[in-house]
Amino acid sequence: MIERELTVRNQAGIHTRPASMIVQTASQFDADVFLQRDNYEINGKSVIGVMTLAAEQGATLTLIVEGRDEEAAADALEDLFEDGFGEEL
């Protein structure tokens, strides 16, 4: 199991497009992907779940990944957050 702290860097936070990018990326892997915010945990492969986090710029989320390709999944998701989902930082 891999656990990492991720910070939302883009100005608009996690709205529909970043949520979709998270789900699309997570769904490429067999590993289970979860995101936590303030003890609220959601499935990282669910757009509705990711949207319910209401994560604004500066919010810190905990990424939890478990499965045979967990390292690759965690790296890919961390890269999305670091890049600000391709939006203005």
Protein backbone atom coordinates (compact mmCIF):
# COMPACT_ATOMS: atom_id res chain seq x y z
CA MET A 1 0.00 0.00 0.00
CA ILE A 2 1.23 3.48 -0.90
CA GLU A 3 0.07 6.63 0.85
CA ARG A 4 1.03 10.13 -0.34
CA GLU A 5 0.00 13.67 0.49
CA LEU A 6 -1.05 15.68 -2.58
CA THR A 7 -1.77 19.40 -2.78
CA VAL A 8 -4.24 20.92 -5.23
CA ARG A 9 -2.16 23.50 -7.08
CA ASN A 10 -4.38 24.84 -9.86
CA GLN A 11 -6.39 28.00 -9.19
CA ALA A 12 -9.82 26.51 -9.91
CA GLY A 13 -9.32 23.47 -7.68
CA ILE A 14 -10.78 20.10 -8.56
CA HIS A 15 -13.73 20.87 -10.79
CA THR A 16 -15.20 18.62 -13.49
CA ARG A 17 -12.22 18.47 -15.85
CA PRO A 18 -9.56 17.67 -13.21
CA ALA A 19 -11.93 15.17 -11.57
CA SER A 20 -12.34 13.45 -14.93
CA MET A 21 -8.55 13.42 -15.43
CA ILE A 22 -8.06 11.82 -12.01
CA VAL A 23 -10.63 9.10 -12.74
CA GLN A 24 -9.29 8.43 -16.25
CA THR A 25 -5.75 8.10 -14.92
CA ALA A 26 -6.73 5.96 -11.93
CA SER A 27 -8.83 3.68 -14.16
CA GLN A 28 -5.79 2.79 -16.27
CA PHE A 29 -4.46 0.76 -13.36
CA ASP A 30 -5.64 -2.40 -11.60
CA ALA A 31 -4.76 -0.98 -8.18
CA ASP A 32 -7.47 0.35 -5.90
CA VAL A 33 -7.26 4.15 -5.63
CA PHE A 34 -8.73 6.23 -2.82
CA LEU A 35 -8.52 9.91 -1.93
CA GLN A 36 -9.08 11.25 1.58
CA ARG A 37 -9.86 14.72 2.81
CA ASP A 38 -10.59 15.43 6.46
CA ASN A 39 -11.26 11.73 7.22
CA TYR A 40 -13.68 11.49 4.27
CA GLU A 41 -12.55 8.79 1.82
CA ILE A 42 -13.75 8.34 -1.75
CA ASN A 43 -13.05 5.94 -4.59
CA GLY A 44 -10.57 7.62 -6.96
CA LYS A 45 -12.18 5.87 -9.92
CA SER A 46 -15.54 7.63 -9.39
CA VAL A 47 -16.11 11.11 -10.86
CA ILE A 48 -18.97 11.75 -8.43
CA GLY A 49 -16.76 10.70 -5.52
CA VAL A 50 -13.88 12.94 -6.59
CA MET A 51 -16.25 15.89 -7.07
CA THR A 52 -17.66 15.49 -3.54
CA LEU A 53 -14.23 16.32 -2.11
CA ALA A 54 -14.80 19.97 -3.12
CA ALA A 55 -11.02 20.44 -3.11
CA GLU A 56 -10.01 24.06 -3.68
CA GLN A 57 -6.55 25.40 -4.48
CA GLY A 58 -4.23 24.64 -1.57
CA ALA A 59 -6.30 21.71 -0.28
CA THR A 60 -4.29 18.70 0.85
CA LEU A 61 -5.55 15.24 -0.04
CA THR A 62 -4.21 11.86 0.96
CA LEU A 63 -3.78 9.43 -1.91
CA ILE A 64 -4.01 5.75 -0.99
CA VAL A 65 -3.18 3.17 -3.65
CA GLU A 66 -3.08 -0.59 -3.20
CA GLY A 67 -2.54 -3.30 -5.77
CA ARG A 68 0.00 -4.88 -8.07
CA ASP A 69 0.65 -1.68 -10.06
CA GLU A 70 0.31 0.71 -7.12
CA GLU A 71 3.66 2.45 -7.64
CA ALA A 72 2.90 3.37 -11.26
CA ALA A 73 -0.63 4.49 -10.35
CA ALA A 74 0.57 6.67 -7.47
CA ASP A 75 3.28 8.24 -9.64
CA ALA A 76 0.85 9.02 -12.48
CA LEU A 77 -1.67 10.62 -10.13
CA GLU A 78 0.99 12.59 -8.29
CA ASP A 79 2.21 13.93 -11.65
CA LEU A 80 -1.32 15.18 -12.44
CA PHE A 81 -1.47 17.12 -9.19
CA GLU A 82 2.08 18.49 -9.58
CA ASP A 83 1.24 19.71 -13.10
CA GLY A 84 -1.89 21.46 -11.82
CA PHE A 85 -3.97 19.36 -14.24
CA GLY A 86 -2.47 21.37 -17.10
CA GLU A 87 -4.13 24.56 -15.82
CA GLU A 88 -2.72 27.85 -14.63
CA LEU A 89 -1.00 27.58 -11.27
